[in-house]
Amino acid sequence: MNWSTLVKVVRFHLADWLGYTLLLWATQAFSFAVNLAIFANVPATPGKVSYTGALVTIYIAFAIVGARSISRSLPFAFALGLSRRSYYARTALLAVVLAAANGLALTILSLIERATGGWGLSLHFFRVPYLLAGPWYLTWLTSFAGLALMFVYGMWFGLIYRRWNLAGVLTFTAAQVTVVVTALLIATRAHAWPGVGRFFTTLTITGLTGLLIALAIALLAGGYATMRRITV
């Protein structure tokens, strides 16, 4: 690996370091504060645990950061003489590092939440049932896989926008919706929903984490295929 190229790519990405930290955690902190305030004012019921799905905020933010990382820095990368493969590979490596670091932060917050009895309110914000409620190492791995997947997904959207502008993004989105709807129709016509239900009810969190990682790799490949033909 050419370390000077890696440092160069990381440096111009992190020139906007607030976008990789403040955007992610300010939105998540606001969401957490709102949920904490709401549940602090809800009459407590003995033995009842409150769940919230607001942790999805940081995953959405990761997709946005991934899209911005490509759409804003790609012209500058080409101006520096970086090849498409070199730039894409090192941006993907940065995504892995960011996902690992932020996944660890989510794991630590999950442990604090467990130790404090849900922030003294029996609130499960960072400990999501089934997904992020196991041993710390599995919580970290699942968080990492989900964050990496969303960042890579955002990167592909950024590349689509760079190549085909807003029309391309809308077409790309419509194509994904079409695929999902078609799959639902096929499953319905084939009466396959019982099998689908059995698959997901028997799937362990380790298996799901593996699927997330496999999907992230597939999205990386799709993004690279787009990257090879892009011009700015």
C-alpha atoms as a PDB file:
ATOM      1  CA  MET A   1       0.000   0.000   0.000  1.00  0.00           C
ATOM      2  CA  ASN A   2       1.232   3.493  -0.852  1.00  0.00           C
ATOM      3  CA  TRP A   3       1.054   5.144   2.562  1.00  0.00           C
ATOM      4  CA  SER A   4       1.717   8.644   1.220  1.00  0.00           C
ATOM      5  CA  THR A   5      -1.338   8.331  -1.013  1.00  0.00           C
ATOM      6  CA  LEU A   6      -3.380   7.017   1.890  1.00  0.00           C
ATOM      7  CA  VAL A   7      -2.343   9.960   4.070  1.00  0.00           C
ATOM      8  CA  LYS A   8      -3.137  12.368   1.245  1.00  0.00           C
ATOM      9  CA  VAL A   9      -6.661  11.000   0.796  1.00  0.00           C
ATOM     10  CA  VAL A  10      -7.351  10.928   4.531  1.00  0.00           C
ATOM     11  CA  ARG A  11      -6.038  14.469   4.986  1.00  0.00           C
ATOM     12  CA  PHE A  12      -8.263  16.087   2.396  1.00  0.00           C
ATOM     13  CA  HIS A  13     -11.254  14.121   3.653  1.00  0.00           C
ATOM     14  CA  LEU A  14     -10.629  15.134   7.250  1.00  0.00           C
ATOM     15  CA  ALA A  15     -10.034  18.759   6.341  1.00  0.00           C
ATOM     16  CA  ASP A  16     -13.771  18.899   6.976  1.00  0.00           C
ATOM     17  CA  TRP A  17     -13.356  16.925  10.205  1.00  0.00           C
ATOM     18  CA  LEU A  18     -16.448  18.497  11.779  1.00  0.00           C
ATOM     19  CA  GLY A  19     -18.545  16.799   9.126  1.00  0.00           C
ATOM     20  CA  TYR A  20     -17.237  13.428  10.288  1.00  0.00           C
ATOM     21  CA  THR A  21     -17.819  14.138  13.974  1.00  0.00           C
ATOM     22  CA  LEU A  22     -20.261  16.978  14.648  1.00  0.00           C
ATOM     23  CA  LEU A  23     -22.773  15.937  11.976  1.00  0.00           C
ATOM     24  CA  LEU A  24     -22.816  12.405  13.331  1.00  0.00           C
ATOM     25  CA  TRP A  25     -22.915  13.003  17.055  1.00  0.00           C
ATOM     26  CA  ALA A  26     -24.792  16.300  17.294  1.00  0.00           C
ATOM     27  CA  THR A  27     -27.827  14.743  15.627  1.00  0.00           C
ATOM     28  CA  GLN A  28     -27.519  11.623  17.760  1.00  0.00           C
ATOM     29  CA  ALA A  29     -27.072  13.636  20.975  1.00  0.00           C
ATOM     30  CA  PHE A  30     -30.147  15.711  20.157  1.00  0.00           C
ATOM     31  CA  SER A  31     -32.188  12.593  19.479  1.00  0.00           C
ATOM     32  CA  PHE A  32     -31.006  11.045  22.750  1.00  0.00           C
ATOM     33  CA  ALA A  33     -31.753  14.201  24.729  1.00  0.00           C
ATOM     34  CA  VAL A  34     -35.282  14.403  23.313  1.00  0.00           C
ATOM     35  CA  ASN A  35     -35.995  10.760  24.142  1.00  0.00           C
ATOM     36  CA  LEU A  36     -34.506  11.137  27.610  1.00  0.00           C
ATOM     37  CA  ALA A  37     -36.693  14.177  28.296  1.00  0.00           C
ATOM     38  CA  ILE A  38     -39.812  12.409  27.031  1.00  0.00           C
ATOM     39  CA  PHE A  39     -39.344   9.237  29.059  1.00  0.00           C
ATOM     40  CA  ALA A  40     -38.278  11.168  32.163  1.00  0.00           C
ATOM     41  CA  ASN A  41     -41.743  12.736  32.174  1.00  0.00           C
ATOM     42  CA  VAL A  42     -43.658   9.524  31.532  1.00  0.00           C
ATOM     43  CA  PRO A  43     -45.025   7.910  34.711  1.00  0.00           C
ATOM     44  CA  ALA A  44     -42.882   4.894  35.533  1.00  0.00           C
ATOM     45  CA  THR A  45     -44.408   1.416  35.510  1.00  0.00           C
ATOM     46  CA  PRO A  46     -42.591  -1.129  37.705  1.00  0.00           C
ATOM     47  CA  GLY A  47     -40.845  -3.760  35.616  1.00  0.00           C
ATOM     48  CA  LYS A  48     -41.574  -2.018  32.321  1.00  0.00           C
ATOM     49  CA  VAL A  49     -38.698  -1.365  29.918  1.00  0.00           C
ATOM     50  CA  SER A  50     -39.019   1.442  27.368  1.00  0.00           C
ATOM     51  CA  TYR A  51     -37.609   0.959  23.883  1.00  0.00           C
ATOM     52  CA  THR A  52     -36.904   3.572  21.232  1.00  0.00           C
ATOM     53  CA  GLY A  53     -35.754   3.185  17.654  1.00  0.00           C
ATOM     54  CA  ALA A  54     -34.077   6.582  17.556  1.00  0.00           C
ATOM     55  CA  LEU A  55     -30.590   5.069  17.318  1.00  0.00           C
ATOM     56  CA  VAL A  56     -31.269   4.835  13.580  1.00  0.00           C
ATOM     57  CA  THR A  57     -30.369   8.539  13.473  1.00  0.00           C
ATOM     58  CA  ILE A  58     -26.631   7.888  13.485  1.00  0.00           C
ATOM     59  CA  TYR A  59     -26.934   5.271  10.741  1.00  0.00           C
ATOM     60  CA  ILE A  60     -28.781   7.718   8.507  1.00  0.00           C
ATOM     61  CA  ALA A  61     -26.156  10.356   9.317  1.00  0.00           C
ATOM     62  CA  PHE A  62     -23.434   7.897   8.295  1.00  0.00           C
ATOM     63  CA  ALA A  63     -25.067   7.465   4.886  1.00  0.00           C
ATOM     64  CA  ILE A  64     -25.174  11.254   4.477  1.00  0.00           C
ATOM     65  CA  VAL A  65     -21.503  11.582   5.437  1.00  0.00           C
ATOM     66  CA  GLY A  66     -20.622   8.829   2.968  1.00  0.00           C
ATOM     67  CA  ALA A  67     -22.419  10.642   0.146  1.00  0.00           C
ATOM     68  CA  ARG A  68     -20.758  13.960   1.036  1.00  0.00           C
ATOM     69  CA  SER A  69     -17.308  12.377   1.250  1.00  0.00           C
ATOM     70  CA  ILE A  70     -17.481  11.399  -2.410  1.00  0.00           C
ATOM     71  CA  SER A  71     -19.499  14.195  -3.966  1.00  0.00           C
ATOM     72  CA  ARG A  72     -17.405  16.991  -2.403  1.00  0.00           C
ATOM     73  CA  SER A  73     -13.872  15.588  -2.578  1.00  0.00           C
ATOM     74  CA  LEU A  74     -13.819  13.672  -5.863  1.00  0.00           C
ATOM     75  CA  PRO A  75     -12.912  16.637  -8.137  1.00  0.00           C
ATOM     76  CA  PHE A  76     -10.098  17.612  -5.751  1.00  0.00           C
ATOM     77  CA  ALA A  77      -8.789  14.035  -5.749  1.00  0.00           C
ATOM     78  CA  PHE A  78      -8.602  14.005  -9.534  1.00  0.00           C
ATOM     79  CA  ALA A  79      -6.894  17.389  -9.477  1.00  0.00           C
ATOM     80  CA  LEU A  80      -4.200  15.862  -7.251  1.00  0.00           C
ATOM     81  CA  GLY A  81      -3.627  13.174  -9.849  1.00  0.00           C
ATOM     82  CA  LEU A  82      -5.046  10.275  -7.858  1.00  0.00           C
ATOM     83  CA  SER A  83      -6.311   7.300  -9.806  1.00  0.00           C
ATOM     84  CA  ARG A  84      -9.936   6.241  -9.412  1.00  0.00           C
ATOM     85  CA  ARG A  85      -8.982   2.914  -7.840  1.00  0.00           C
ATOM     86  CA  SER A  86      -6.551   4.500  -5.402  1.00  0.00           C
ATOM     87  CA  TYR A  87      -8.983   7.183  -4.291  1.00  0.00           C
ATOM     88  CA  TYR A  88     -11.920   4.781  -3.946  1.00  0.00           C
ATOM     89  CA  ALA A  89      -9.967   2.131  -2.033  1.00  0.00           C
ATOM     90  CA  ARG A  90      -8.576   4.624   0.451  1.00  0.00           C
ATOM     91  CA  THR A  91     -11.923   6.314   0.967  1.00  0.00           C
ATOM     92  CA  ALA A  92     -13.399   2.877   1.662  1.00  0.00           C
ATOM     93  CA  LEU A  93     -10.609   2.234   4.163  1.00  0.00           C
ATOM     94  CA  LEU A  94     -11.455   5.510   5.887  1.00  0.00           C
ATOM     95  CA  ALA A  95     -15.082   4.343   6.046  1.00  0.00           C
ATOM     96  CA  VAL A  96     -13.966   1.131   7.772  1.00  0.00           C
ATOM     97  CA  VAL A  97     -11.945   3.053  10.352  1.00  0.00           C
ATOM     98  CA  LEU A  98     -14.773   5.497  11.046  1.00  0.00           C
ATOM     99  CA  ALA A  99     -17.289   2.658  11.360  1.00  0.00           C
ATOM    100  CA  ALA A 100     -15.009   0.794  13.767  1.00  0.00           C
ATOM    101  CA  ALA A 101     -14.416   3.873  15.945  1.00  0.00           C
ATOM    102  CA  ASN A 102     -18.049   4.943  16.048  1.00  0.00           C
ATOM    103  CA  GLY A 103     -19.199   1.364  16.567  1.00  0.00           C
ATOM    104  CA  LEU A 104     -16.934   1.203  19.611  1.00  0.00           C
ATOM    105  CA  ALA A 105     -18.433   4.459  20.911  1.00  0.00           C
ATOM    106  CA  LEU A 106     -21.943   3.021  20.539  1.00  0.00           C
ATOM    107  CA  THR A 107     -20.827  -0.125  22.359  1.00  0.00           C
ATOM    108  CA  ILE A 108     -19.441   1.885  25.272  1.00  0.00           C
ATOM    109  CA  LEU A 109     -22.678   3.861  25.517  1.00  0.00           C
ATOM    110  CA  SER A 110     -24.598   0.586  25.457  1.00  0.00           C
ATOM    111  CA  LEU A 111     -22.524  -0.689  28.394  1.00  0.00           C
ATOM    112  CA  ILE A 112     -23.138   2.541  30.306  1.00  0.00           C
ATOM    113  CA  GLU A 113     -26.843   2.228  29.593  1.00  0.00           C
ATOM    114  CA  ARG A 114     -26.827  -1.308  30.978  1.00  0.00           C
ATOM    115  CA  ALA A 115     -24.837  -0.310  34.077  1.00  0.00           C
ATOM    116  CA  THR A 116     -27.163   2.615  34.885  1.00  0.00           C
ATOM    117  CA  GLY A 117     -30.361   0.650  34.444  1.00  0.00           C
ATOM    118  CA  GLY A 118     -31.289   2.479  31.266  1.00  0.00           C
ATOM    119  CA  TRP A 119     -30.138   5.903  32.483  1.00  0.00           C
ATOM    120  CA  GLY A 120     -32.203   5.404  35.622  1.00  0.00           C
ATOM    121  CA  LEU A 121     -35.378   5.245  33.496  1.00  0.00           C
ATOM    122  CA  SER A 122     -35.308   1.660  32.210  1.00  0.00           C
ATOM    123  CA  LEU A 123     -34.773   3.224  28.797  1.00  0.00           C
ATOM    124  CA  HIS A 124     -33.188   1.175  26.026  1.00  0.00           C
ATOM    125  CA  PHE A 125     -31.775   3.669  23.561  1.00  0.00           C
ATOM    126  CA  PHE A 126     -28.389   2.196  22.647  1.00  0.00           C
ATOM    127  CA  ARG A 127     -29.290  -1.396  23.599  1.00  0.00           C
ATOM    128  CA  VAL A 128     -31.566  -2.477  20.768  1.00  0.00           C
ATOM    129  CA  PRO A 129     -33.322  -5.822  21.346  1.00  0.00           C
ATOM    130  CA  TYR A 130     -31.815  -8.644  19.265  1.00  0.00           C
ATOM    131  CA  LEU A 131     -29.526  -6.307  17.322  1.00  0.00           C
ATOM    132  CA  LEU A 132     -27.392  -4.631  19.991  1.00  0.00           C
ATOM    133  CA  ALA A 133     -28.131  -6.440  23.224  1.00  0.00           C
ATOM    134  CA  GLY A 134     -25.537  -9.222  23.339  1.00  0.00           C
ATOM    135  CA  PRO A 135     -21.917  -9.385  24.502  1.00  0.00           C
ATOM    136  CA  TRP A 136     -19.927  -6.187  24.000  1.00  0.00           C
ATOM    137  CA  TYR A 137     -17.778  -7.630  21.213  1.00  0.00           C
ATOM    138  CA  LEU A 138     -20.824  -8.760  19.233  1.00  0.00           C
ATOM    139  CA  THR A 139     -22.518  -5.397  19.804  1.00  0.00           C
ATOM    140  CA  TRP A 140     -19.393  -3.686  18.490  1.00  0.00           C
ATOM    141  CA  LEU A 141     -19.166  -5.967  15.447  1.00  0.00           C
ATOM    142  CA  THR A 142     -22.829  -5.500  14.543  1.00  0.00           C
ATOM    143  CA  SER A 143     -22.590  -1.722  15.029  1.00  0.00           C
ATOM    144  CA  PHE A 144     -19.460  -1.662  12.878  1.00  0.00           C
ATOM    145  CA  ALA A 145     -21.127  -3.699  10.114  1.00  0.00           C
ATOM    146  CA  GLY A 146     -24.228  -1.503  10.068  1.00  0.00           C
ATOM    147  CA  LEU A 147     -22.292   1.767  10.056  1.00  0.00           C
ATOM    148  CA  ALA A 148     -19.892   0.577   7.352  1.00  0.00           C
ATOM    149  CA  LEU A 149     -22.829  -0.568   5.233  1.00  0.00           C
ATOM    150  CA  MET A 150     -24.553   2.818   5.492  1.00  0.00           C
ATOM    151  CA  PHE A 151     -21.355   4.755   4.723  1.00  0.00           C
ATOM    152  CA  VAL A 152     -20.671   2.642   1.621  1.00  0.00           C
ATOM    153  CA  TYR A 153     -24.305   2.987   0.572  1.00  0.00           C
ATOM    154  CA  GLY A 154     -23.958   6.758   0.855  1.00  0.00           C
ATOM    155  CA  MET A 155     -20.713   6.659  -1.147  1.00  0.00           C
ATOM    156  CA  TRP A 156     -22.530   4.971  -4.021  1.00  0.00           C
ATOM    157  CA  PHE A 157     -25.227   7.646  -3.969  1.00  0.00           C
ATOM    158  CA  GLY A 158     -22.491  10.297  -4.065  1.00  0.00           C
ATOM    159  CA  LEU A 159     -20.943   8.660  -7.109  1.00  0.00           C
ATOM    160  CA  ILE A 160     -24.317   8.396  -8.844  1.00  0.00           C
ATOM    161  CA  TYR A 161     -24.885  12.105  -8.220  1.00  0.00           C
ATOM    162  CA  ARG A 162     -21.438  12.992  -9.582  1.00  0.00           C
ATOM    163  CA  ARG A 163     -22.018  11.030 -12.749  1.00  0.00           C
ATOM    164  CA  TRP A 164     -25.717  11.675 -13.508  1.00  0.00           C
ATOM    165  CA  ASN A 165     -26.737  14.510 -11.152  1.00  0.00           C
ATOM    166  CA  LEU A 166     -30.192  14.578  -9.538  1.00  0.00           C
ATOM    167  CA  ALA A 167     -31.826  12.643 -12.386  1.00  0.00           C
ATOM    168  CA  GLY A 168     -29.413   9.799 -11.749  1.00  0.00           C
ATOM    169  CA  VAL A 169     -30.120   9.771  -8.011  1.00  0.00           C
ATOM    170  CA  LEU A 170     -33.876   9.670  -8.623  1.00  0.00           C
ATOM    171  CA  THR A 171     -33.499   6.877 -11.186  1.00  0.00           C
ATOM    172  CA  PHE A 172     -31.198   4.938  -8.861  1.00  0.00           C
ATOM    173  CA  THR A 173     -33.703   5.269  -6.020  1.00  0.00           C
ATOM    174  CA  ALA A 174     -36.614   4.291  -8.249  1.00  0.00           C
ATOM    175  CA  ALA A 175     -34.709   1.215  -9.433  1.00  0.00           C
ATOM    176  CA  GLN A 176     -34.157   0.068  -5.852  1.00  0.00           C
ATOM    177  CA  VAL A 177     -37.814   0.593  -4.974  1.00  0.00           C
ATOM    178  CA  THR A 178     -38.781  -1.396  -8.078  1.00  0.00           C
ATOM    179  CA  VAL A 179     -36.514  -4.287  -7.070  1.00  0.00           C
ATOM    180  CA  VAL A 180     -37.964  -4.372  -3.546  1.00  0.00           C
ATOM    181  CA  VAL A 181     -41.580  -4.221  -4.761  1.00  0.00           C
ATOM    182  CA  THR A 182     -40.889  -6.923  -7.359  1.00  0.00           C
ATOM    183  CA  ALA A 183     -39.357  -9.178  -4.697  1.00  0.00           C
ATOM    184  CA  LEU A 184     -42.395  -8.651  -2.465  1.00  0.00           C
ATOM    185  CA  LEU A 185     -44.764  -9.513  -5.304  1.00  0.00           C
ATOM    186  CA  ILE A 186     -42.796 -12.641  -6.202  1.00  0.00           C
ATOM    187  CA  ALA A 187     -42.784 -13.783  -2.572  1.00  0.00           C
ATOM    188  CA  THR A 188     -46.534 -13.185  -2.365  1.00  0.00           C
ATOM    189  CA  ARG A 189     -47.352 -15.035  -5.592  1.00  0.00           C
ATOM    190  CA  ALA A 190     -45.082 -17.934  -4.649  1.00  0.00           C
ATOM    191  CA  HIS A 191     -46.595 -18.090  -1.147  1.00  0.00           C
ATOM    192  CA  ALA A 192     -43.059 -17.864   0.192  1.00  0.00           C
ATOM    193  CA  TRP A 193     -43.734 -15.668   3.215  1.00  0.00           C
ATOM    194  CA  PRO A 194     -43.765 -18.580   5.715  1.00  0.00           C
ATOM    195  CA  GLY A 195     -40.278 -19.530   4.523  1.00  0.00           C
ATOM    196  CA  VAL A 196     -39.116 -15.932   4.704  1.00  0.00           C
ATOM    197  CA  GLY A 197     -40.497 -15.685   8.221  1.00  0.00           C
ATOM    198  CA  ARG A 198     -38.719 -18.874   9.286  1.00  0.00           C
ATOM    199  CA  PHE A 199     -35.453 -17.589   7.846  1.00  0.00           C
ATOM    200  CA  PHE A 200     -35.520 -14.333   9.792  1.00  0.00           C
ATOM    201  CA  THR A 201     -36.839 -15.846  13.015  1.00  0.00           C
ATOM    202  CA  THR A 202     -34.064 -18.451  13.042  1.00  0.00           C
ATOM    203  CA  LEU A 203     -31.307 -16.088  11.893  1.00  0.00           C
ATOM    204  CA  THR A 204     -28.862 -15.371  14.702  1.00  0.00           C
ATOM    205  CA  ILE A 205     -27.391 -11.936  15.248  1.00  0.00           C
ATOM    206  CA  THR A 206     -24.023 -13.356  14.180  1.00  0.00           C
ATOM    207  CA  GLY A 207     -25.580 -14.500  10.926  1.00  0.00           C
ATOM    208  CA  LEU A 208     -27.240 -11.124  10.412  1.00  0.00           C
ATOM    209  CA  THR A 209     -23.934  -9.358  11.014  1.00  0.00           C
ATOM    210  CA  GLY A 210     -22.345 -11.562   8.374  1.00  0.00           C
ATOM    211  CA  LEU A 211     -25.116 -10.647   5.926  1.00  0.00           C
ATOM    212  CA  LEU A 212     -24.560  -6.941   6.599  1.00  0.00           C
ATOM    213  CA  ILE A 213     -20.847  -7.303   5.899  1.00  0.00           C
ATOM    214  CA  ALA A 214     -21.545  -9.256   2.689  1.00  0.00           C
ATOM    215  CA  LEU A 215     -24.007  -6.586   1.557  1.00  0.00           C
ATOM    216  CA  ALA A 216     -21.474  -3.843   2.293  1.00  0.00           C
ATOM    217  CA  ILE A 217     -18.908  -5.649   0.125  1.00  0.00           C
ATOM    218  CA  ALA A 218     -21.473  -5.970  -2.677  1.00  0.00           C
ATOM    219  CA  LEU A 219     -22.242  -2.249  -2.467  1.00  0.00           C
ATOM    220  CA  LEU A 220     -18.519  -1.486  -2.557  1.00  0.00           C
ATOM    221  CA  ALA A 221     -18.247  -3.478  -5.765  1.00  0.00           C
ATOM    222  CA  GLY A 222     -21.226  -1.650  -7.271  1.00  0.00           C
ATOM    223  CA  GLY A 223     -19.771   1.703  -6.292  1.00  0.00           C
ATOM    224  CA  TYR A 224     -16.421   0.809  -7.813  1.00  0.00           C
ATOM    225  CA  ALA A 225     -18.087  -0.174 -11.097  1.00  0.00           C
ATOM    226  CA  THR A 226     -19.655   3.294 -11.155  1.00  0.00           C
ATOM    227  CA  MET A 227     -16.373   4.925 -10.127  1.00  0.00           C
ATOM    228  CA  ARG A 228     -14.458   3.422 -13.051  1.00  0.00           C
ATOM    229  CA  ARG A 229     -16.587   5.325 -15.567  1.00  0.00           C
ATOM    230  CA  ILE A 230     -17.049   8.596 -13.759  1.00  0.00           C
ATOM    231  CA  THR A 231     -15.790  11.943 -15.049  1.00  0.00           C
ATOM    232  CA  VAL A 232     -15.790  15.326 -13.296  1.00  0.00           C
END
